[in-house]
N, C-alpha and C. Protein backbone atom coordinates (compact mmCIF):
# COMPACT_ATOMS: atom_id res chain seq x y z
N CYS A 1 94.68 88.22 53.63
CA CYS A 1 95.64 88.36 52.42
C CYS A 1 96.17 87.07 51.99
N PHE A 2 96.63 86.97 50.81
CA PHE A 2 97.18 85.69 50.20
C PHE A 2 98.75 85.87 50.08
N PHE A 3 99.38 84.78 50.43
CA PHE A 3 100.75 84.73 50.15
C PHE A 3 101.00 83.41 49.41
N PHE A 4 101.73 83.48 48.39
CA PHE A 4 101.99 82.33 47.62
C PHE A 4 103.47 81.97 47.50
N PHE A 5 103.91 80.77 48.03
CA PHE A 5 105.28 80.43 47.88
C PHE A 5 105.34 79.22 47.04
N SER A 6 106.43 79.12 46.14
CA SER A 6 106.66 77.98 45.46
C SER A 6 108.17 77.70 45.40
N SER A 7 108.48 76.50 45.42
CA SER A 7 109.89 76.06 45.29
C SER A 7 110.13 75.29 44.10
N ARG A 8 110.98 75.80 43.14
CA ARG A 8 111.28 75.06 41.92
C ARG A 8 111.98 73.81 42.18
N ARG A 9 112.72 73.79 43.32
CA ARG A 9 113.51 72.51 43.53
C ARG A 9 112.72 71.46 44.17
N ARG A 10 111.85 71.84 45.04
CA ARG A 10 111.20 70.77 45.88
C ARG A 10 109.74 70.66 45.46
N HIS A 11 109.25 71.48 44.72
CA HIS A 11 107.83 71.46 44.28
C HIS A 11 106.90 71.60 45.48
N THR A 12 107.17 72.62 46.30
CA THR A 12 106.34 72.92 47.45
C THR A 12 105.83 74.39 47.38
N ARG A 13 104.78 74.64 47.88
CA ARG A 13 104.33 76.09 47.91
C ARG A 13 103.56 76.29 49.22
N TYR A 14 103.48 77.56 49.48
CA TYR A 14 102.77 77.90 50.76
C TYR A 14 101.82 79.08 50.37
N ILE A 15 100.61 78.98 50.80
CA ILE A 15 99.59 79.95 50.46
C ILE A 15 98.88 80.40 51.77
N SER A 16 98.82 81.72 52.09
CA SER A 16 98.27 82.15 53.36
C SER A 16 97.14 83.11 53.14
N VAL A 17 96.05 82.90 53.87
CA VAL A 17 94.93 83.84 53.83
C VAL A 17 94.86 84.39 55.22
N THR A 18 95.48 85.43 55.56
CA THR A 18 95.62 85.74 57.03
C THR A 18 95.85 87.25 57.25
N GLY A 19 95.47 87.75 58.29
CA GLY A 19 95.70 89.16 58.74
C GLY A 19 97.03 89.36 59.34
N VAL A 20 97.68 88.31 59.82
CA VAL A 20 98.97 88.33 60.55
C VAL A 20 99.89 87.55 59.66
N GLN A 21 101.07 88.29 59.31
CA GLN A 21 101.94 87.70 58.33
C GLN A 21 103.26 87.14 58.89
N THR A 22 103.39 87.02 60.22
CA THR A 22 104.59 86.68 60.81
C THR A 22 105.00 85.16 60.46
N CYS A 23 104.15 84.32 60.20
CA CYS A 23 104.46 82.92 59.91
C CYS A 23 105.12 82.70 58.56
N ALA A 24 105.09 83.80 57.65
CA ALA A 24 105.66 83.57 56.42
C ALA A 24 107.20 83.61 56.36
N LEU A 25 107.74 84.56 57.24
CA LEU A 25 109.28 84.71 57.18
C LEU A 25 110.04 83.50 57.61
N PRO A 26 109.60 82.81 58.59
CA PRO A 26 110.41 81.58 58.98
C PRO A 26 110.34 80.54 57.88
N ILE A 27 109.26 80.42 57.17
CA ILE A 27 109.15 79.38 56.04
C ILE A 27 110.11 79.82 55.01
N LEU A 28 110.14 80.96 54.66
CA LEU A 28 111.10 81.48 53.66
C LEU A 28 112.58 81.21 54.05
N SER A 29 112.87 81.36 55.38
CA SER A 29 114.21 81.19 55.75
C SER A 29 114.67 79.91 55.68
N LEU A 30 113.65 78.89 55.72
CA LEU A 30 114.05 77.45 55.74
C LEU A 30 114.35 76.96 54.34
N ASN A 31 113.96 77.69 53.36
CA ASN A 31 114.13 77.37 52.02
C ASN A 31 114.44 78.53 51.06
N ALA A 32 115.66 78.75 50.82
CA ALA A 32 116.03 80.02 50.01
C ALA A 32 115.45 79.88 48.56
N GLY A 33 115.14 78.80 48.11
CA GLY A 33 114.68 78.57 46.72
C GLY A 33 113.19 78.92 46.60
N MET A 34 112.59 79.17 47.60
CA MET A 34 111.15 79.51 47.55
C MET A 34 110.87 80.95 46.83
N GLN A 35 109.86 80.81 46.03
CA GLN A 35 109.48 82.08 45.38
C GLN A 35 108.22 82.66 45.96
N LEU A 36 108.15 83.91 46.18
CA LEU A 36 107.10 84.63 46.83
C LEU A 36 106.24 85.39 46.05
N ILE A 37 104.94 85.10 45.92
CA ILE A 37 103.99 85.88 45.08
C ILE A 37 102.96 86.46 46.00
N VAL A 38 102.72 87.73 46.19
CA VAL A 38 101.80 88.26 47.06
C VAL A 38 100.53 88.81 46.31
N ALA A 39 99.38 88.40 46.81
CA ALA A 39 98.08 88.92 46.24
C ALA A 39 97.25 89.35 47.38
N ALA A 40 97.70 90.36 48.18
CA ALA A 40 97.08 90.82 49.43
C ALA A 40 96.07 91.76 49.20
N SER A 41 95.06 91.77 50.27
CA SER A 41 93.97 92.77 50.17
C SER A 41 93.62 93.15 51.53
N ASN A 42 93.83 94.55 51.76
CA ASN A 42 93.50 94.99 53.21
C ASN A 42 91.96 94.96 53.41
N GLY A 43 91.62 94.65 54.57
CA GLY A 43 90.21 94.58 55.02
C GLY A 43 89.48 93.42 54.25
N ALA A 44 90.14 92.39 53.89
CA ALA A 44 89.51 91.33 53.16
C ALA A 44 88.37 90.62 53.90
N THR A 45 87.37 90.27 53.18
CA THR A 45 86.25 89.53 53.74
C THR A 45 86.15 88.07 52.95
N THR A 46 85.17 87.36 53.45
CA THR A 46 85.13 86.04 52.71
C THR A 46 84.75 86.29 51.27
N GLU A 47 83.92 87.30 51.00
CA GLU A 47 83.55 87.67 49.58
C GLU A 47 84.77 88.08 48.80
N THR A 48 85.67 88.91 49.42
CA THR A 48 86.94 89.20 48.75
C THR A 48 87.72 88.09 48.32
N VAL A 49 87.84 86.97 49.25
CA VAL A 49 88.61 85.90 48.94
C VAL A 49 87.97 85.08 47.77
N LEU A 50 86.68 84.90 47.84
CA LEU A 50 85.93 84.14 46.81
C LEU A 50 86.08 84.77 45.44
N HIS A 51 85.93 86.06 45.33
CA HIS A 51 85.68 86.79 44.06
C HIS A 51 86.95 87.49 43.55
N ALA A 52 87.99 87.61 44.38
CA ALA A 52 89.13 88.35 44.01
C ALA A 52 90.49 87.49 44.26
N GLN A 53 90.68 87.08 45.49
CA GLN A 53 91.97 86.45 45.80
C GLN A 53 92.10 85.05 45.24
N LEU A 54 91.09 84.17 45.29
CA LEU A 54 91.17 82.79 44.76
C LEU A 54 91.55 82.80 43.31
N SER A 55 90.98 83.78 42.59
CA SER A 55 91.22 83.86 41.16
C SER A 55 92.63 84.10 40.73
N GLN A 56 93.42 84.56 41.74
CA GLN A 56 94.85 84.90 41.48
C GLN A 56 95.73 83.73 41.58
N LEU A 57 95.19 82.59 42.18
CA LEU A 57 96.08 81.50 42.39
C LEU A 57 96.58 80.85 41.15
N PRO A 58 97.85 80.40 41.06
CA PRO A 58 98.35 79.68 39.92
C PRO A 58 97.83 78.29 39.93
N PRO A 59 98.01 77.62 38.80
CA PRO A 59 97.55 76.22 38.68
C PRO A 59 98.31 75.37 39.64
N ASN A 60 97.67 74.21 39.82
CA ASN A 60 98.28 73.28 40.89
C ASN A 60 99.53 72.55 40.36
N PRO A 61 100.68 72.64 41.07
CA PRO A 61 101.92 71.98 40.60
C PRO A 61 102.03 70.58 41.29
N PRO A 62 102.96 69.84 40.92
CA PRO A 62 103.22 68.54 41.70
C PRO A 62 103.68 68.93 43.14
N GLY A 63 103.52 67.98 44.02
CA GLY A 63 103.99 68.17 45.36
C GLY A 63 102.77 68.58 46.32
N VAL A 64 103.19 68.89 47.56
CA VAL A 64 102.24 69.33 48.60
C VAL A 64 102.14 70.87 48.72
N THR A 65 101.02 71.34 48.84
CA THR A 65 100.68 72.71 48.89
C THR A 65 100.25 72.96 50.38
N LEU A 66 100.94 73.95 51.07
CA LEU A 66 100.48 74.37 52.37
C LEU A 66 99.63 75.68 52.31
N VAL A 67 98.50 75.62 52.99
CA VAL A 67 97.52 76.70 52.79
C VAL A 67 97.22 77.11 54.28
N THR A 68 97.32 78.43 54.65
CA THR A 68 96.86 78.87 55.91
C THR A 68 95.66 79.84 55.65
N LEU A 69 94.63 79.69 56.49
CA LEU A 69 93.45 80.50 56.23
C LEU A 69 92.95 81.05 57.61
N THR A 70 92.88 82.37 57.71
CA THR A 70 92.24 83.01 58.79
C THR A 70 91.30 84.09 58.13
N ILE A 71 90.06 83.87 58.22
CA ILE A 71 89.13 84.78 57.60
C ILE A 71 87.85 84.87 58.41
N GLY A 72 87.11 85.94 58.15
CA GLY A 72 85.73 86.12 58.87
C GLY A 72 85.67 87.29 59.82
N GLY A 73 86.76 87.71 60.38
CA GLY A 73 86.71 88.77 61.35
C GLY A 73 86.08 90.10 60.83
N ASN A 74 86.58 90.42 59.49
CA ASN A 74 86.02 91.65 58.94
C ASN A 74 84.54 91.44 58.53
N ASP A 75 84.12 90.31 58.07
CA ASP A 75 82.70 89.96 57.87
C ASP A 75 81.92 90.27 59.09
N LEU A 76 82.47 89.76 60.32
CA LEU A 76 81.75 89.89 61.58
C LEU A 76 81.62 91.25 62.00
N LEU A 77 82.67 92.13 61.79
CA LEU A 77 82.59 93.53 62.11
C LEU A 77 81.52 94.35 61.25
N ARG A 78 81.43 93.86 60.02
CA ARG A 78 80.43 94.55 59.14
C ARG A 78 79.05 94.19 59.59
N ALA A 79 78.87 92.91 59.98
CA ALA A 79 77.55 92.46 60.45
C ALA A 79 77.17 93.14 61.74
N ILE A 80 78.07 93.40 62.58
CA ILE A 80 77.80 94.07 63.79
C ILE A 80 77.27 95.55 63.58
N HIS A 81 77.96 96.22 62.69
CA HIS A 81 77.58 97.58 62.33
C HIS A 81 76.29 97.64 61.47
N GLY A 82 75.83 96.48 60.95
CA GLY A 82 74.60 96.59 60.05
C GLY A 82 73.36 96.32 60.88
N ASP A 83 72.40 95.85 60.19
CA ASP A 83 71.03 95.59 60.76
C ASP A 83 71.07 94.47 61.68
N PRO A 84 70.78 94.72 62.92
CA PRO A 84 70.79 93.61 63.93
C PRO A 84 69.88 92.40 63.62
N SER A 85 68.87 92.64 62.91
CA SER A 85 67.93 91.62 62.53
C SER A 85 68.49 90.71 61.50
N ARG A 86 69.58 91.08 60.86
CA ARG A 86 70.19 90.24 59.85
C ARG A 86 71.40 89.49 60.17
N ILE A 87 71.63 89.51 61.51
CA ILE A 87 72.86 88.75 61.92
C ILE A 87 72.84 87.37 61.67
N GLU A 88 71.73 86.71 61.90
CA GLU A 88 71.66 85.22 61.55
C GLU A 88 71.90 84.95 60.14
N LYS A 89 71.34 85.83 59.25
CA LYS A 89 71.58 85.67 57.84
C LYS A 89 73.08 85.83 57.41
N HIS A 90 73.70 86.90 58.06
CA HIS A 90 75.14 87.12 57.83
C HIS A 90 76.01 85.91 58.28
N THR A 91 75.60 85.38 59.48
CA THR A 91 76.27 84.24 59.99
C THR A 91 76.29 83.03 58.97
N THR A 92 75.06 82.75 58.48
CA THR A 92 74.97 81.72 57.56
C THR A 92 75.75 81.90 56.35
N THR A 93 75.67 83.19 55.78
CA THR A 93 76.46 83.49 54.57
C THR A 93 77.94 83.31 54.80
N LEU A 94 78.45 83.94 55.86
CA LEU A 94 79.84 83.78 56.23
C LEU A 94 80.22 82.31 56.38
N VAL A 95 79.60 81.49 56.99
CA VAL A 95 80.00 80.12 57.14
C VAL A 95 79.90 79.33 55.87
N ASN A 96 78.96 79.67 55.04
CA ASN A 96 78.92 78.99 53.75
C ASN A 96 80.02 79.50 52.90
N ASN A 97 80.37 80.75 53.00
CA ASN A 97 81.61 81.26 52.26
C ASN A 97 82.87 80.54 52.52
N ILE A 98 83.04 80.40 53.93
CA ILE A 98 84.29 79.74 54.35
C ILE A 98 84.30 78.23 53.78
N GLN A 99 83.20 77.55 53.85
CA GLN A 99 83.11 76.28 53.30
C GLN A 99 83.30 76.23 51.76
N ARG A 100 82.84 77.18 51.02
CA ARG A 100 83.14 77.30 49.67
C ARG A 100 84.59 77.48 49.36
N ILE A 101 85.28 78.34 50.21
CA ILE A 101 86.75 78.67 50.05
C ILE A 101 87.49 77.36 50.32
N LEU A 102 87.11 76.57 51.24
CA LEU A 102 87.85 75.35 51.55
C LEU A 102 87.66 74.38 50.35
N THR A 103 86.44 74.23 49.90
CA THR A 103 86.25 73.33 48.79
C THR A 103 87.00 73.72 47.52
N ILE A 104 87.06 75.10 47.23
CA ILE A 104 87.84 75.53 46.02
C ILE A 104 89.26 75.17 46.22
N VAL A 105 89.77 75.44 47.53
CA VAL A 105 91.21 75.32 47.60
C VAL A 105 91.58 73.66 47.55
N GLN A 106 90.66 72.89 48.07
CA GLN A 106 90.95 71.42 48.04
C GLN A 106 90.86 70.88 46.70
N THR A 107 89.90 71.51 45.84
CA THR A 107 89.74 71.09 44.51
C THR A 107 90.85 71.48 43.66
N THR A 108 91.35 72.79 43.85
CA THR A 108 92.49 73.39 43.12
C THR A 108 93.87 72.66 43.44
N PHE A 109 94.00 72.41 44.81
CA PHE A 109 95.24 71.82 45.34
C PHE A 109 94.82 70.55 46.12
N PRO A 110 94.58 69.48 45.42
CA PRO A 110 94.19 68.23 46.17
C PRO A 110 95.17 67.56 47.06
N SER A 111 96.41 67.92 46.94
CA SER A 111 97.37 67.48 47.83
C SER A 111 97.65 68.50 48.98
N SER A 112 96.86 69.38 49.16
CA SER A 112 97.08 70.53 50.06
C SER A 112 97.00 70.05 51.63
N LEU A 113 97.70 70.70 52.51
CA LEU A 113 97.39 70.73 53.96
C LEU A 113 96.91 72.11 54.34
N ILE A 114 95.76 72.23 54.90
CA ILE A 114 95.15 73.47 55.15
C ILE A 114 95.16 73.64 56.65
N LEU A 115 95.71 74.83 57.08
CA LEU A 115 95.70 75.25 58.45
C LEU A 115 94.74 76.33 58.64
N ILE A 116 93.60 76.05 59.32
CA ILE A 116 92.44 77.09 59.37
C ILE A 116 92.33 77.62 60.88
N GLY A 117 92.34 78.93 60.97
CA GLY A 117 92.24 79.59 62.34
C GLY A 117 90.91 79.96 62.69
N THR A 118 90.56 79.96 63.98
CA THR A 118 89.34 80.47 64.47
C THR A 118 89.54 82.01 64.62
N ILE A 119 88.45 82.75 64.97
CA ILE A 119 88.41 84.17 65.13
C ILE A 119 88.52 84.55 66.58
N TYR A 120 89.45 85.31 66.96
CA TYR A 120 89.69 85.67 68.30
C TYR A 120 88.51 86.76 68.81
N ASP A 121 88.48 86.76 70.17
CA ASP A 121 87.56 87.72 70.82
C ASP A 121 88.26 88.71 71.68
N PRO A 122 88.54 89.91 71.07
CA PRO A 122 89.37 90.91 71.90
C PRO A 122 88.72 91.35 73.28
N THR A 123 87.46 90.98 73.49
CA THR A 123 86.74 91.44 74.66
C THR A 123 86.79 90.30 75.74
N ASP A 124 87.40 89.32 75.54
CA ASP A 124 87.47 88.18 76.55
C ASP A 124 86.15 87.69 77.05
N GLY A 125 85.22 87.56 76.03
CA GLY A 125 83.87 87.07 76.29
C GLY A 125 82.89 87.94 76.79
N VAL A 126 83.20 89.24 76.83
CA VAL A 126 82.23 90.32 77.38
C VAL A 126 81.46 90.85 76.21
N GLY A 127 82.08 91.06 75.05
CA GLY A 127 81.35 91.50 73.95
C GLY A 127 81.13 93.00 73.73
N ASP A 128 81.89 93.83 74.61
CA ASP A 128 81.75 95.23 74.48
C ASP A 128 82.81 95.89 73.77
N LEU A 129 83.01 95.51 72.48
CA LEU A 129 84.06 95.91 71.62
C LEU A 129 84.12 97.31 71.27
N PHE A 130 82.90 98.05 71.14
CA PHE A 130 82.86 99.39 70.56
C PHE A 130 82.50 100.27 71.83
N SER A 131 81.69 99.85 72.69
CA SER A 131 81.21 100.75 73.88
C SER A 131 81.44 100.01 75.20
N PRO A 132 82.30 100.54 76.07
CA PRO A 132 82.56 99.91 77.38
C PRO A 132 81.35 99.60 78.17
N ASP A 133 81.25 98.33 78.65
CA ASP A 133 80.17 97.92 79.51
C ASP A 133 78.81 97.88 78.69
N GLN A 134 78.78 97.94 77.48
CA GLN A 134 77.64 97.80 76.66
C GLN A 134 77.85 96.45 75.66
N PRO A 135 77.70 95.37 76.21
CA PRO A 135 77.98 94.22 75.44
C PRO A 135 76.98 94.02 74.25
N LEU A 136 77.46 93.26 73.20
CA LEU A 136 76.52 92.84 72.16
C LEU A 136 76.44 91.35 72.12
N PRO A 137 75.36 90.84 72.82
CA PRO A 137 75.31 89.38 72.97
C PRO A 137 75.14 88.68 71.64
N ARG A 138 74.34 89.37 70.70
CA ARG A 138 74.17 88.65 69.37
C ARG A 138 75.48 88.58 68.64
N ALA A 139 76.32 89.46 68.81
CA ALA A 139 77.67 89.37 68.15
C ALA A 139 78.56 88.25 68.74
N LEU A 140 78.42 88.09 70.03
CA LEU A 140 79.10 86.91 70.65
C LEU A 140 78.53 85.59 70.34
N GLU A 141 77.17 85.60 69.97
CA GLU A 141 76.52 84.37 69.61
C GLU A 141 76.99 83.99 68.17
N MET A 142 77.05 85.11 67.29
CA MET A 142 77.55 84.92 65.98
C MET A 142 79.04 84.48 65.94
N LEU A 143 79.85 85.02 66.77
CA LEU A 143 81.23 84.58 66.77
C LEU A 143 81.35 83.11 67.33
N GLY A 144 80.59 82.83 68.35
CA GLY A 144 80.57 81.43 68.72
C GLY A 144 80.09 80.42 67.67
N HIS A 145 79.14 80.79 67.03
CA HIS A 145 78.62 79.82 65.89
C HIS A 145 79.54 79.71 64.76
N ILE A 146 80.25 80.74 64.36
CA ILE A 146 81.22 80.72 63.35
C ILE A 146 82.40 79.88 63.77
N ASN A 147 82.87 80.04 64.91
CA ASN A 147 84.05 79.31 65.43
C ASN A 147 83.68 77.86 65.63
N THR A 148 82.54 77.52 65.98
CA THR A 148 82.06 76.12 66.07
C THR A 148 82.06 75.43 64.68
N ARG A 149 81.59 76.15 63.73
CA ARG A 149 81.69 75.60 62.30
C ARG A 149 83.05 75.46 61.82
N ILE A 150 83.93 76.49 62.07
CA ILE A 150 85.29 76.37 61.63
C ILE A 150 85.89 75.07 62.33
N ARG A 151 85.73 74.80 63.67
CA ARG A 151 86.31 73.69 64.33
C ARG A 151 85.78 72.36 63.64
N SER A 152 84.47 72.45 63.24
CA SER A 152 83.87 71.23 62.53
C SER A 152 84.49 71.00 61.18
N PHE A 153 84.83 72.11 60.46
CA PHE A 153 85.51 71.97 59.13
C PHE A 153 86.83 71.28 59.35
N ALA A 154 87.55 71.63 60.44
CA ALA A 154 88.90 71.08 60.81
C ALA A 154 88.98 69.56 61.00
N ARG A 155 87.71 68.99 61.09
CA ARG A 155 87.77 67.53 61.35
C ARG A 155 87.89 66.76 60.11
N GLN A 156 87.90 67.45 58.97
CA GLN A 156 88.07 66.80 57.65
C GLN A 156 89.54 66.47 57.45
N PRO A 157 89.77 65.43 56.65
CA PRO A 157 91.19 65.05 56.41
C PRO A 157 91.97 66.26 55.79
N ARG A 158 93.21 66.35 56.21
CA ARG A 158 94.17 67.36 55.55
C ARG A 158 93.80 68.82 55.90
N ILE A 159 92.96 69.01 56.93
CA ILE A 159 92.72 70.23 57.48
C ILE A 159 93.03 70.28 58.90
N GLN A 160 93.78 71.22 59.36
CA GLN A 160 94.25 71.24 60.76
C GLN A 160 93.81 72.56 61.44
N LEU A 161 93.22 72.40 62.57
CA LEU A 161 92.70 73.59 63.34
C LEU A 161 93.81 74.35 63.99
N VAL A 162 93.70 75.72 63.95
CA VAL A 162 94.55 76.61 64.69
C VAL A 162 93.50 77.38 65.49
N ASP A 163 93.37 77.04 66.89
CA ASP A 163 92.43 77.67 67.63
C ASP A 163 92.86 78.88 68.29
N ILE A 164 92.91 80.03 67.52
CA ILE A 164 93.36 81.26 68.02
C ILE A 164 92.38 81.78 68.99
N HIS A 165 91.13 81.59 68.84
CA HIS A 165 90.02 82.08 69.81
C HIS A 165 90.36 81.63 71.22
N GLU A 166 90.49 80.28 71.37
CA GLU A 166 90.72 79.72 72.63
C GLU A 166 92.03 80.23 73.27
N HIS A 167 93.05 80.31 72.44
CA HIS A 167 94.33 80.66 73.06
C HIS A 167 94.42 82.15 73.43
N PHE A 168 93.64 83.07 72.77
CA PHE A 168 93.62 84.45 73.08
C PHE A 168 92.80 84.93 74.24
N LEU A 169 91.88 84.01 74.67
CA LEU A 169 90.97 84.40 75.77
C LEU A 169 91.79 84.66 76.96
N GLY A 170 91.59 85.81 77.63
CA GLY A 170 92.33 86.23 78.92
C GLY A 170 93.40 87.24 78.49
N HIS A 171 93.54 87.57 77.25
CA HIS A 171 94.56 88.47 76.82
C HIS A 171 94.00 89.59 75.98
N GLY A 172 92.70 89.86 76.11
CA GLY A 172 92.08 91.04 75.51
C GLY A 172 91.95 92.10 76.44
N SER A 173 90.70 92.81 76.29
CA SER A 173 90.49 93.95 77.12
C SER A 173 90.38 93.72 78.61
N ARG A 174 90.01 92.51 79.01
CA ARG A 174 89.94 92.02 80.46
C ARG A 174 91.05 91.31 80.92
N TYR A 175 92.22 91.57 80.39
CA TYR A 175 93.45 90.79 80.67
C TYR A 175 93.83 91.03 82.17
N ALA A 176 93.52 92.22 82.72
CA ALA A 176 93.90 92.56 84.11
C ALA A 176 92.87 92.36 85.14
N ASP A 177 91.69 91.70 84.76
CA ASP A 177 90.52 91.57 85.60
C ASP A 177 90.46 90.21 86.15
N PRO A 178 90.76 89.99 87.38
CA PRO A 178 90.73 88.59 87.98
C PRO A 178 89.31 88.13 88.08
N ALA A 179 88.30 88.93 87.85
CA ALA A 179 86.92 88.49 87.98
C ALA A 179 86.45 87.81 86.67
N ASN A 180 87.17 88.19 85.58
CA ASN A 180 86.76 87.53 84.32
C ASN A 180 87.06 86.17 84.30
N PRO A 181 86.21 85.22 83.84
CA PRO A 181 86.32 83.85 83.74
C PRO A 181 87.62 83.34 82.96
N HIS A 182 88.04 84.21 82.04
CA HIS A 182 89.29 83.77 81.22
C HIS A 182 90.59 84.40 81.61
N TYR A 183 90.54 84.92 82.84
CA TYR A 183 91.79 85.66 83.51
C TYR A 183 92.90 84.67 83.51
N ASP A 184 94.00 85.07 83.06
CA ASP A 184 95.23 84.14 83.04
C ASP A 184 96.12 84.59 84.21
N LYS A 185 96.05 84.09 85.31
CA LYS A 185 96.81 84.53 86.45
C LYS A 185 98.31 84.35 86.26
N ASP A 186 98.62 83.33 85.54
CA ASP A 186 100.08 83.05 85.24
C ASP A 186 100.69 83.93 84.17
N ASP A 187 99.89 84.53 83.35
CA ASP A 187 100.34 85.46 82.31
C ASP A 187 99.36 86.52 81.98
N PRO A 188 99.07 87.40 82.87
CA PRO A 188 98.08 88.47 82.64
C PRO A 188 98.54 89.65 81.77
N THR A 189 98.74 89.31 80.47
CA THR A 189 99.34 90.32 79.61
C THR A 189 98.33 90.61 78.39
N TYR A 190 98.48 91.73 77.86
CA TYR A 190 97.53 92.21 76.82
C TYR A 190 98.19 91.96 75.38
N TRP A 191 97.48 91.28 74.50
CA TRP A 191 98.07 90.81 73.19
C TRP A 191 97.55 91.64 72.04
N PHE A 192 97.05 92.79 72.36
CA PHE A 192 96.45 93.59 71.24
C PHE A 192 97.12 95.12 71.29
N THR A 193 97.21 95.66 70.08
CA THR A 193 97.67 96.99 70.00
C THR A 193 96.61 98.09 69.70
N SER A 194 95.44 97.52 69.46
CA SER A 194 94.22 98.27 69.26
C SER A 194 92.98 97.41 69.69
N LYS A 195 91.90 97.77 69.40
CA LYS A 195 90.67 96.96 69.80
C LYS A 195 90.70 95.60 69.07
N ILE A 196 91.27 95.57 67.86
CA ILE A 196 91.14 94.32 67.09
C ILE A 196 92.44 93.85 66.51
N GLU A 197 93.60 94.62 66.52
CA GLU A 197 94.81 94.29 65.97
C GLU A 197 95.75 93.65 67.02
N PRO A 198 96.45 92.64 66.80
CA PRO A 198 97.37 92.06 67.79
C PRO A 198 98.58 92.86 67.84
N ASN A 199 99.28 92.96 68.97
CA ASN A 199 100.52 93.68 69.14
C ASN A 199 101.61 92.61 68.85
N ALA A 200 102.91 93.01 69.11
CA ALA A 200 104.07 92.07 68.80
C ALA A 200 103.75 90.65 69.54
N ARG A 201 103.37 90.71 70.79
CA ARG A 201 103.23 89.47 71.55
C ARG A 201 102.12 88.67 70.87
N GLY A 202 101.00 89.42 70.56
CA GLY A 202 99.88 88.65 69.96
C GLY A 202 100.18 88.06 68.57
N ALA A 203 100.97 88.86 67.73
CA ALA A 203 101.40 88.31 66.53
C ALA A 203 102.34 87.06 66.70
N SER A 204 103.23 87.03 67.66
CA SER A 204 104.13 86.03 67.99
C SER A 204 103.36 84.76 68.38
N GLU A 205 102.26 84.97 69.15
CA GLU A 205 101.44 83.81 69.57
C GLU A 205 100.76 83.21 68.40
N VAL A 206 100.14 84.12 67.47
CA VAL A 206 99.60 83.54 66.32
C VAL A 206 100.58 82.76 65.40
N ARG A 207 101.81 83.20 65.29
CA ARG A 207 102.86 82.52 64.61
C ARG A 207 103.12 81.15 65.20
N GLN A 208 103.19 81.17 66.54
CA GLN A 208 103.56 79.84 67.21
C GLN A 208 102.39 78.83 67.05
N LEU A 209 101.10 79.33 67.15
CA LEU A 209 100.02 78.47 66.97
C LEU A 209 100.09 77.83 65.62
N PHE A 210 100.41 78.57 64.52
CA PHE A 210 100.49 78.06 63.20
C PHE A 210 101.62 77.07 63.06
N TRP A 211 102.69 77.36 63.63
CA TRP A 211 103.89 76.41 63.56
C TRP A 211 103.51 75.11 64.21
N ASN A 212 102.79 75.14 65.41
CA ASN A 212 102.34 73.99 66.11
C ASN A 212 101.48 73.25 65.30
N ALA A 213 100.44 73.86 64.71
CA ALA A 213 99.54 73.08 63.79
C ALA A 213 100.23 72.58 62.61
N LEU A 214 101.15 73.23 62.08
CA LEU A 214 101.87 72.71 60.88
C LEU A 214 102.57 71.47 61.26
N GLU A 215 103.35 71.36 62.39
CA GLU A 215 103.91 70.21 62.81
C GLU A 215 102.97 69.04 62.99
N ALA A 216 101.82 69.42 63.68
CA ALA A 216 100.93 68.31 63.83
C ALA A 216 100.25 67.78 62.56
N GLY A 217 100.05 68.73 61.56
CA GLY A 217 99.43 68.33 60.30
C GLY A 217 100.48 67.43 59.51
N LEU A 218 101.71 67.77 59.59
CA LEU A 218 102.70 67.01 58.94
C LEU A 218 102.91 65.62 59.46
N ARG A 219 102.71 65.56 60.82
CA ARG A 219 102.77 64.25 61.47
C ARG A 219 101.63 63.38 60.99
N ASP A 220 100.37 63.99 60.92
CA ASP A 220 99.19 63.37 60.40
C ASP A 220 99.44 62.81 58.95
N LEU A 221 99.98 63.63 58.08
CA LEU A 221 100.24 63.32 56.83
C LEU A 221 101.19 62.08 56.62
N LYS A 222 102.21 62.12 57.54
CA LYS A 222 103.09 61.03 57.43
C LYS A 222 102.50 59.75 57.96
N GLY A 223 101.51 59.83 59.01
CA GLY A 223 100.88 58.70 59.38
C GLY A 223 99.84 58.04 58.48
N ASP A 224 99.45 58.88 57.47
CA ASP A 224 98.57 58.40 56.41
C ASP A 224 99.21 57.52 55.40
N ARG A 225 100.50 57.70 55.26
CA ARG A 225 101.30 57.02 54.24
C ARG A 225 101.44 55.52 54.54
């Protein structure tokens, strides 16, 4: 979904493409002069963003634009349910779409700071999202490749990585399994309310990750001056 914030006083705006909306409220609370414009879409995919959501963005104003982007999970789910022989093609298309989205945002908002998130794995590396003990290795390969490319995109200037995938490992369906390589013995807690949706703790973790990335991104911007 998209969230658009603009401040008439400070010429700042915040745009979010994300399934978790908890990072929006603290930003609003810091600046009462911000205006919120929502152009959300349930079940959004990279195609939805490219052909529907991006077209709803207003023209670029003066000042810095903050953009948060988490996309690709729904594309991945559709690919898993589709023809297994087309997974590689789906992966290429998804990655290319993410790159196109970043290019359009950077072109539309050249002074933007983009926070881009990786896609989490609710199975803690096992891959049995739909059928217990029946892993889908091709799906895990697809997820790994997509996240690798997302991390590579974040090496560009003014793009900051939010590694949700790495942070959530050990807090999915195998959170209580000491034999899982991602088991977190110091915090063996479950961060999902269903197979793919985060619970309150998971949403809070996503919020904190984005705030940490925002602080790091702003430090980098100040260092460039």
